[in-house]
Amino acid sequence: MSVQAASRTTPIDRAVAALLAPTRRAGGSPLAVALLTVGTAALALAIVAGLVGLVGGSPGSVLSSMIDGSVGSASSISTTLMEATPLLLVAVGTCVASRAGVFNIGQEGQMLIGAALGAFVGLRTQGPPELVSTLALLCAALGGAAWAALAAVMRYRRGVDVVVSTLLLIFIAEQLVSFLVSRPSLLQETRIPGQIVAQQSDALAPAYRLPALGEHPGLTVGVGTFIALGLAVVMAGLLARSRWGFRIRMLGHNPLAARHAGVREAAYGTVALAISGAFAGLAGGVVLTGQVYRLQPGMSDNYGWDGLLVALVARDRPLAAVVTALAFGGLRAGGGLLASTGVPAYLVDITQALLVIAFVLPPALLALWHAHASRRRGRAAAAASARAAASGAAA
């Protein structure tokens, strides 16, 4: 951004920048941000309690059901971890792209493409179970990376906005997966005489599914959870400590300065977007091999969108995304018991939305406040200068 362009930046522009790139300092001390976040979160929960009352429910019963469904038992904790795993994978990839200044919102489609390639490998490959499972996950990651790379090519070759291209690629991915599971020659479920054929693939053989530590109804932790945690730590270290991570952060913070420093925007932006897609594709592979075991058009189940929100609330920090993913996983797991309280399940989505707003709004509010204070100081200084000049002329 040039000096002239920077001088024309409005307070609204700075607030939007604080929302879209929350890793950048929006002004104010960390204590001010923390206190304001506590206030907005409390307000969000109060709104949720009011909505529960409006639909005839009891806030206490809803809270109790959410706690029971998320952490109330070993089985509930297992469900929370299972729900949090793909959210964390998607969020970590989103952190990488956002740090590079590339806003990938097509994780739903990248998950589906990754799951499709993983299903193809898992259903058409024979061999040692560990090898086939590993290949399925690797191919899922490659599928997601390739799908995201299409948006990168459009961005750096034709100037197509990444937000637009990644969003539209979701619809193409959904139609492509529907086509794959509706053709017997591709991945459609094997037809049995007299049985209605659903839009899904055959189930993966039990030997090719991701194992888990523990047994139901006790605490069970899938291998995918350990993979997600390990990759979150690795990516946090790379972004914070490596030369590559420094260049990625420089590109996202100031593209002009990055280009002058020798950072190739197209190369690093493409790599960041491909990595983001790879994590989303891997999330699709984990859901396939660890949860549903079949390729289905709706198997992404909003993990891509919710993972994007996890990264936003975590302010593009992979380690913070671990805690945030657990919180969102608990909301998804606990939402399953809301029907027993007579409260609509869509209140879980409303709660998520309000909490996201509560956590991302403080930097924008502080940016607006500091911009307003800066303008007031500027006007006061200009008025003082004018008075001094008038006094000097009179003298």
Protein backbone atom coordinates (compact mmCIF):
# COMPACT_ATOMS: atom_id res chain seq x y z
CA MET A 1 0.00 0.00 0.00
CA SER A 2 1.41 3.39 -0.96
CA VAL A 3 1.77 6.32 1.45
CA GLN A 4 -1.03 8.17 -0.35
CA ALA A 5 -3.34 5.15 -0.09
CA ALA A 6 -2.50 4.69 3.56
CA SER A 7 -3.34 8.32 4.26
CA ARG A 8 -6.77 7.82 2.73
CA THR A 9 -7.58 4.83 4.95
CA THR A 10 -10.78 5.52 6.88
CA PRO A 11 -11.67 4.32 10.39
CA ILE A 12 -14.22 1.95 8.85
CA ASP A 13 -11.44 0.46 6.67
CA ARG A 14 -9.30 -0.09 9.75
CA ALA A 15 -12.20 -1.74 11.57
CA VAL A 16 -12.86 -4.08 8.64
CA ALA A 17 -9.15 -4.91 8.51
CA ALA A 18 -9.28 -5.77 12.21
CA LEU A 19 -12.17 -8.16 11.55
CA LEU A 20 -10.66 -9.81 8.48
CA ALA A 21 -7.11 -10.01 9.80
CA PRO A 22 -7.49 -10.25 13.59
CA THR A 23 -3.81 -11.14 14.07
CA ARG A 24 -2.90 -7.54 13.37
CA ARG A 25 -2.87 -5.22 16.33
CA ALA A 26 -6.02 -3.15 16.29
CA GLY A 27 -4.96 -0.84 19.09
CA GLY A 28 -5.33 -1.03 22.82
CA SER A 29 -3.62 -3.16 25.40
CA PRO A 30 -4.15 -6.92 25.68
CA LEU A 31 -5.92 -6.27 28.99
CA ALA A 32 -8.40 -3.93 27.28
CA VAL A 33 -9.06 -6.53 24.59
CA ALA A 34 -9.53 -9.25 27.22
CA LEU A 35 -11.93 -7.19 29.32
CA LEU A 36 -13.96 -6.13 26.31
CA THR A 37 -14.09 -9.74 25.10
CA VAL A 38 -15.43 -10.90 28.46
CA GLY A 39 -18.12 -8.24 28.24
CA THR A 40 -19.19 -9.10 24.71
CA ALA A 41 -19.19 -12.83 25.50
CA ALA A 42 -21.37 -12.25 28.55
CA LEU A 43 -23.74 -10.17 26.42
CA ALA A 44 -23.88 -12.94 23.79
CA LEU A 45 -24.75 -15.55 26.42
CA ALA A 46 -27.41 -13.26 27.86
CA ILE A 47 -28.97 -12.93 24.39
CA VAL A 48 -28.94 -16.72 24.02
CA ALA A 49 -30.65 -17.08 27.40
CA GLY A 50 -33.30 -14.60 26.28
CA LEU A 51 -33.88 -16.51 23.04
CA VAL A 52 -34.24 -19.76 24.96
CA GLY A 53 -36.87 -18.12 27.12
CA LEU A 54 -38.72 -16.83 24.06
CA VAL A 55 -39.08 -20.34 22.61
CA GLY A 56 -40.43 -21.62 25.91
CA GLY A 57 -37.31 -23.32 27.19
CA SER A 58 -35.41 -23.07 30.44
CA PRO A 59 -31.86 -21.60 30.19
CA GLY A 60 -30.80 -23.78 33.10
CA SER A 61 -32.06 -26.97 31.43
CA VAL A 62 -30.41 -26.02 28.15
CA LEU A 63 -27.10 -25.32 29.87
CA SER A 64 -27.31 -28.61 31.75
CA SER A 65 -28.05 -30.51 28.54
CA MET A 66 -25.17 -28.84 26.72
CA ILE A 67 -22.77 -29.73 29.52
CA ASP A 68 -24.04 -33.31 29.71
CA GLY A 69 -23.75 -33.72 25.94
CA SER A 70 -20.24 -32.26 25.71
CA VAL A 71 -18.32 -33.15 28.88
CA GLY A 72 -20.87 -34.87 31.14
CA SER A 73 -19.52 -38.38 30.60
CA ALA A 74 -16.65 -40.26 28.99
CA SER A 75 -18.81 -40.91 25.94
CA SER A 76 -19.70 -37.22 25.67
CA ILE A 77 -16.04 -36.19 25.87
CA SER A 78 -15.27 -38.71 23.14
CA THR A 79 -17.93 -37.12 20.93
CA THR A 80 -16.55 -33.65 21.63
CA LEU A 81 -13.04 -34.74 20.62
CA MET A 82 -14.39 -36.40 17.49
CA GLU A 83 -16.27 -33.23 16.50
CA ALA A 84 -13.31 -30.99 17.32
CA THR A 85 -10.78 -32.93 15.22
CA PRO A 86 -11.89 -31.85 11.71
CA LEU A 87 -12.62 -28.35 13.02
CA LEU A 88 -9.03 -28.06 14.23
CA LEU A 89 -7.57 -29.34 10.97
CA VAL A 90 -9.60 -26.87 8.92
CA ALA A 91 -8.76 -24.04 11.32
CA VAL A 92 -5.01 -24.66 11.25
CA GLY A 93 -4.99 -24.57 7.46
CA THR A 94 -7.07 -21.41 7.51
CA CYS A 95 -4.53 -19.81 9.87
CA VAL A 96 -1.75 -20.42 7.35
CA ALA A 97 -3.66 -18.87 4.45
CA SER A 98 -4.87 -15.90 6.50
CA ARG A 99 -1.36 -15.19 7.77
CA ALA A 100 -0.33 -14.88 4.11
CA GLY A 101 -3.18 -12.47 3.42
CA VAL A 102 -5.15 -15.04 1.42
CA PHE A 103 -8.71 -15.57 2.66
CA ASN A 104 -9.76 -19.11 1.79
CA ILE A 105 -13.46 -19.77 2.46
CA GLY A 106 -13.84 -22.87 0.29
CA GLN A 107 -12.98 -25.48 2.92
CA GLU A 108 -16.31 -27.28 2.50
CA GLY A 109 -15.51 -28.10 -1.12
CA GLN A 110 -11.89 -28.95 -0.35
CA MET A 111 -13.05 -31.37 2.32
CA LEU A 112 -15.36 -33.12 -0.15
CA ILE A 113 -12.69 -33.43 -2.84
CA GLY A 114 -10.21 -34.76 -0.27
CA ALA A 115 -12.74 -37.28 1.00
CA ALA A 116 -13.50 -38.37 -2.58
CA LEU A 117 -9.85 -39.14 -3.33
CA GLY A 118 -9.45 -40.80 0.05
CA ALA A 119 -12.49 -42.98 -0.64
CA PHE A 120 -11.17 -43.93 -4.07
CA VAL A 121 -7.87 -45.06 -2.56
CA GLY A 122 -9.51 -46.81 0.39
CA LEU A 123 -11.97 -48.73 -1.82
CA ARG A 124 -9.72 -49.51 -4.79
CA THR A 125 -6.40 -50.27 -3.07
CA GLN A 126 -5.37 -53.49 -1.39
CA GLY A 127 -2.49 -53.88 1.00
CA PRO A 128 -1.45 -53.62 4.63
CA PRO A 129 -4.10 -51.68 6.56
CA GLU A 130 -1.62 -49.11 7.91
CA LEU A 131 -0.32 -48.42 4.41
CA VAL A 132 -3.76 -48.10 2.81
CA SER A 133 -5.04 -45.82 5.60
CA THR A 134 -1.96 -43.61 5.31
CA LEU A 135 -2.30 -43.41 1.54
CA ALA A 136 -5.97 -42.54 1.84
CA LEU A 137 -5.19 -39.64 4.18
CA LEU A 138 -2.28 -38.42 2.06
CA CYS A 139 -4.39 -38.50 -1.10
CA ALA A 140 -7.18 -36.69 0.73
CA ALA A 141 -4.72 -33.93 1.66
CA LEU A 142 -3.41 -33.78 -1.92
CA GLY A 143 -6.95 -33.56 -3.27
CA GLY A 144 -7.80 -30.63 -1.02
CA ALA A 145 -4.51 -28.92 -1.91
CA ALA A 146 -5.13 -29.32 -5.65
CA TRP A 147 -8.67 -27.97 -5.35
CA ALA A 148 -7.43 -24.91 -3.45
CA ALA A 149 -4.57 -24.46 -5.92
CA LEU A 150 -7.16 -23.90 -8.66
CA ALA A 151 -8.20 -20.74 -6.84
CA ALA A 152 -4.56 -19.71 -6.53
CA VAL A 153 -4.02 -20.10 -10.27
CA MET A 154 -7.11 -17.99 -10.97
CA ARG A 155 -5.89 -15.38 -8.50
CA TYR A 156 -2.33 -14.97 -9.70
CA ARG A 157 -2.93 -15.65 -13.40
CA ARG A 158 -6.25 -13.91 -13.99
CA GLY A 159 -6.75 -11.71 -10.96
CA VAL A 160 -9.87 -13.53 -9.72
CA ASP A 161 -10.59 -12.79 -6.09
CA VAL A 162 -9.79 -15.78 -3.87
CA VAL A 163 -12.89 -15.33 -1.71
CA VAL A 164 -15.12 -15.53 -4.78
CA SER A 165 -13.30 -18.44 -6.46
CA THR A 166 -13.04 -20.61 -3.34
CA LEU A 167 -16.71 -20.02 -2.56
CA LEU A 168 -17.87 -20.98 -6.05
CA LEU A 169 -15.63 -24.04 -6.09
CA ILE A 170 -17.67 -25.40 -3.19
CA PHE A 171 -20.72 -25.81 -5.43
CA ILE A 172 -18.65 -27.48 -8.13
CA ALA A 173 -17.20 -29.90 -5.57
CA GLU A 174 -20.66 -30.80 -4.29
CA GLN A 175 -21.89 -31.57 -7.79
CA LEU A 176 -18.74 -33.53 -8.59
CA VAL A 177 -19.07 -35.73 -5.51
CA SER A 178 -22.77 -36.29 -6.26
CA PHE A 179 -21.76 -37.42 -9.74
CA LEU A 180 -19.10 -39.79 -8.40
CA VAL A 181 -21.51 -41.56 -6.03
CA SER A 182 -24.26 -41.84 -8.64
CA ARG A 183 -22.24 -43.79 -11.23
CA PRO A 184 -21.69 -47.55 -10.74
CA SER A 185 -18.44 -47.32 -12.69
CA LEU A 186 -17.06 -44.76 -10.25
CA LEU A 187 -17.88 -44.76 -6.53
CA GLN A 188 -21.57 -45.60 -6.30
CA GLU A 189 -22.57 -48.10 -3.64
CA THR A 190 -22.70 -51.66 -4.95
CA ARG A 191 -26.23 -52.40 -6.08
CA ILE A 192 -28.06 -55.23 -4.31
CA PRO A 193 -31.22 -56.60 -6.00
CA GLY A 194 -34.32 -55.11 -4.41
CA GLN A 195 -32.41 -52.47 -2.46
CA ILE A 196 -32.76 -48.74 -3.08
CA VAL A 197 -29.37 -47.35 -4.04
CA ALA A 198 -28.44 -44.29 -2.01
CA GLN A 199 -26.11 -41.51 -3.09
CA GLN A 200 -23.06 -42.84 -1.31
CA SER A 201 -20.11 -45.12 -1.80
CA ASP A 202 -19.47 -48.54 -0.32
CA ALA A 203 -18.24 -48.54 3.26
CA LEU A 204 -14.52 -48.75 3.88
CA ALA A 205 -13.37 -52.11 5.14
CA PRO A 206 -12.97 -52.10 8.95
CA ALA A 207 -9.25 -52.75 8.58
CA TYR A 208 -8.83 -49.49 6.62
CA ARG A 209 -10.56 -47.26 9.16
CA LEU A 210 -8.66 -45.05 11.59
CA PRO A 211 -8.21 -46.80 14.92
CA ALA A 212 -9.04 -45.26 18.29
CA LEU A 213 -7.62 -45.59 21.75
CA GLY A 214 -10.18 -46.84 24.27
CA GLU A 215 -13.55 -48.50 23.86
CA HIS A 216 -17.11 -47.21 23.91
CA PRO A 217 -18.83 -46.27 26.23
CA GLY A 218 -15.56 -45.32 27.89
CA LEU A 219 -13.29 -42.53 26.71
CA THR A 220 -12.13 -43.07 23.13
CA VAL A 221 -9.65 -40.86 21.29
CA GLY A 222 -9.23 -41.37 17.56
CA VAL A 223 -5.87 -41.31 15.84
CA GLY A 224 -7.14 -38.36 13.83
CA THR A 225 -7.21 -36.27 17.01
CA PHE A 226 -3.51 -36.91 17.61
CA ILE A 227 -2.77 -36.07 13.98
CA ALA A 228 -4.63 -32.76 14.28
CA LEU A 229 -2.89 -31.82 17.53
CA GLY A 230 0.53 -32.70 16.17
CA LEU A 231 0.03 -30.71 12.98
CA ALA A 232 -1.26 -27.72 14.96
CA VAL A 233 1.94 -27.66 17.02
CA VAL A 234 4.13 -28.11 13.93
CA MET A 235 2.43 -25.32 11.99
CA ALA A 236 2.55 -22.99 15.00
CA GLY A 237 6.28 -23.56 15.23
CA LEU A 238 6.85 -23.08 11.51
CA LEU A 239 4.84 -19.86 11.38
CA ALA A 240 6.57 -18.41 14.45
CA ARG A 241 10.16 -19.65 14.11
CA SER A 242 11.02 -20.53 10.53
CA ARG A 243 12.21 -18.32 7.68
CA TRP A 244 9.27 -19.55 5.61
CA GLY A 245 6.86 -18.55 8.36
CA PHE A 246 8.46 -15.11 8.62
CA ARG A 247 7.99 -14.56 4.90
CA ILE A 248 4.40 -15.77 5.06
CA ARG A 249 3.67 -13.34 7.88
CA MET A 250 5.46 -10.52 6.06
CA LEU A 251 3.40 -11.16 2.94
CA GLY A 252 0.15 -11.01 4.89
CA HIS A 253 1.18 -7.96 6.88
CA ASN A 254 2.57 -5.81 4.08
CA PRO A 255 2.65 -7.27 0.54
CA LEU A 256 4.54 -4.26 -0.84
CA ALA A 257 7.34 -4.55 1.71
CA ALA A 258 7.42 -8.31 1.19
CA ARG A 259 7.93 -7.88 -2.55
CA HIS A 260 10.74 -5.41 -1.95
CA ALA A 261 12.33 -7.94 0.42
CA GLY A 262 12.31 -10.58 -2.32
CA VAL A 263 9.21 -12.53 -1.27
CA ARG A 264 7.46 -13.82 -4.37
CA GLU A 265 3.81 -13.12 -3.73
CA ALA A 266 2.45 -15.61 -6.26
CA ALA A 267 4.68 -18.46 -5.05
CA TYR A 268 4.14 -17.98 -1.33
CA GLY A 269 0.45 -17.14 -1.73
CA THR A 270 -0.10 -20.28 -3.79
CA VAL A 271 1.74 -22.44 -1.27
CA ALA A 272 -0.23 -20.96 1.63
CA LEU A 273 -3.55 -21.53 -0.14
CA ALA A 274 -2.55 -25.08 -1.12
CA ILE A 275 -1.58 -25.85 2.49
CA SER A 276 -4.92 -24.53 3.66
CA GLY A 277 -6.66 -26.77 1.15
CA ALA A 278 -4.49 -29.72 2.18
CA PHE A 279 -5.59 -29.37 5.79
CA ALA A 280 -9.23 -29.17 4.72
CA GLY A 281 -8.80 -32.22 2.49
CA LEU A 282 -7.13 -34.06 5.36
CA ALA A 283 -10.11 -33.16 7.54
CA GLY A 284 -12.34 -34.76 4.91
CA GLY A 285 -10.14 -37.85 4.96
CA VAL A 286 -10.31 -38.05 8.76
CA VAL A 287 -14.11 -37.73 8.70
CA LEU A 288 -14.25 -40.45 6.04
CA THR A 289 -11.91 -42.94 7.73
CA GLY A 290 -12.78 -42.13 11.34
CA GLN A 291 -16.49 -41.27 11.42
CA VAL A 292 -18.79 -41.94 8.46
CA TYR A 293 -16.70 -44.52 6.49
CA ARG A 294 -18.58 -43.70 3.26
CA LEU A 295 -18.31 -40.94 0.71
CA GLN A 296 -21.54 -38.91 0.81
CA PRO A 297 -22.35 -35.49 -0.70
CA GLY A 298 -23.29 -34.06 2.70
CA MET A 299 -20.48 -35.57 4.74
CA SER A 300 -18.70 -32.23 5.23
CA ASP A 301 -21.55 -31.38 7.66
CA ASN A 302 -20.51 -27.70 7.94
CA TYR A 303 -17.10 -28.64 9.35
CA GLY A 304 -15.54 -26.33 6.76
CA TRP A 305 -17.62 -23.33 7.77
CA ASP A 306 -17.27 -23.98 11.49
CA GLY A 307 -13.52 -24.54 11.13
CA LEU A 308 -13.29 -21.17 9.41
CA LEU A 309 -15.03 -19.62 12.43
CA VAL A 310 -12.64 -21.42 14.78
CA ALA A 311 -9.68 -19.79 13.02
CA LEU A 312 -11.39 -16.42 13.15
CA VAL A 313 -12.05 -16.65 16.89
CA ALA A 314 -8.49 -17.94 17.48
CA ARG A 315 -7.18 -14.87 15.62
CA ASP A 316 -5.25 -17.06 13.18
CA ARG A 317 -3.11 -18.67 15.89
CA PRO A 318 -2.88 -22.47 15.49
CA LEU A 319 -2.36 -23.17 19.20
CA ALA A 320 -5.28 -20.97 20.20
CA ALA A 321 -7.32 -22.85 17.60
CA VAL A 322 -6.89 -26.03 19.69
CA VAL A 323 -8.87 -24.59 22.59
CA THR A 324 -11.38 -22.91 20.29
CA ALA A 325 -11.95 -26.12 18.33
CA LEU A 326 -12.66 -27.96 21.58
CA ALA A 327 -15.22 -25.31 22.52
CA PHE A 328 -16.93 -25.52 19.14
CA GLY A 329 -16.76 -29.31 19.25
CA GLY A 330 -18.47 -29.20 22.63
CA LEU A 331 -21.23 -27.02 21.19
CA ARG A 332 -21.77 -29.46 18.33
CA ALA A 333 -21.72 -32.47 20.66
CA GLY A 334 -23.97 -30.88 23.27
CA GLY A 335 -26.44 -29.71 20.66
CA GLY A 336 -27.56 -33.27 20.15
CA LEU A 337 -29.34 -33.28 23.51
CA LEU A 338 -31.22 -30.04 23.01
CA ALA A 339 -34.23 -31.86 21.56
CA SER A 340 -34.84 -33.44 24.96
CA THR A 341 -35.36 -29.97 26.45
CA GLY A 342 -37.89 -28.93 23.80
CA VAL A 343 -35.56 -26.24 22.44
CA PRO A 344 -34.86 -26.10 18.67
CA ALA A 345 -31.44 -27.41 17.72
CA TYR A 346 -30.78 -24.38 15.52
CA LEU A 347 -30.13 -22.40 18.70
CA VAL A 348 -26.70 -24.05 18.70
CA ASP A 349 -25.93 -22.30 15.41
CA ILE A 350 -27.20 -19.02 16.83
CA THR A 351 -25.00 -19.50 19.90
CA GLN A 352 -21.98 -20.15 17.71
CA ALA A 353 -22.66 -17.07 15.62
CA LEU A 354 -23.09 -14.82 18.65
CA LEU A 355 -19.93 -16.14 20.30
CA VAL A 356 -17.95 -15.60 17.10
CA ILE A 357 -19.17 -12.01 16.96
CA ALA A 358 -18.35 -11.58 20.66
CA PHE A 359 -14.76 -12.74 20.18
CA VAL A 360 -13.93 -10.94 16.93
CA LEU A 361 -15.72 -7.65 17.61
CA PRO A 362 -13.44 -6.21 20.35
CA PRO A 363 -10.44 -5.48 18.04
CA ALA A 364 -12.73 -3.69 15.59
CA LEU A 365 -14.36 -1.67 18.38
CA LEU A 366 -10.96 -0.70 19.76
CA ALA A 367 -9.78 0.26 16.27
CA LEU A 368 -12.78 2.56 15.87
CA TRP A 369 -12.24 4.03 19.33
CA HIS A 370 -8.56 4.76 18.75
CA ALA A 371 -9.29 6.21 15.31
CA HIS A 372 -11.91 8.50 16.86
CA ALA A 373 -9.50 9.53 19.61
CA SER A 374 -6.79 10.19 17.03
CA ARG A 375 -9.12 12.42 15.02
CA ARG A 376 -10.05 14.37 18.14
CA ARG A 377 -6.39 14.88 19.01
CA GLY A 378 -5.71 15.99 15.44
CA ARG A 379 -8.54 18.50 15.51
CA ALA A 380 -7.41 19.81 18.91
CA ALA A 381 -3.84 20.20 17.65
CA ALA A 382 -5.04 22.00 14.52
CA ALA A 383 -7.20 24.33 16.61
CA ALA A 384 -4.29 25.06 18.94
CA SER A 385 -2.03 25.83 15.97
CA ALA A 386 -4.66 28.15 14.50
CA ARG A 387 -5.01 29.99 17.78
CA ALA A 388 -1.24 30.33 18.11
CA ALA A 389 -0.99 31.67 14.55
CA ALA A 390 -3.79 34.16 15.21
CA SER A 391 -2.11 35.34 18.41
CA GLY A 392 1.19 35.80 16.59
CA ALA A 393 -0.44 37.77 13.78
CA ALA A 394 -2.24 40.02 16.28
CA ALA A 395 1.02 40.67 18.13
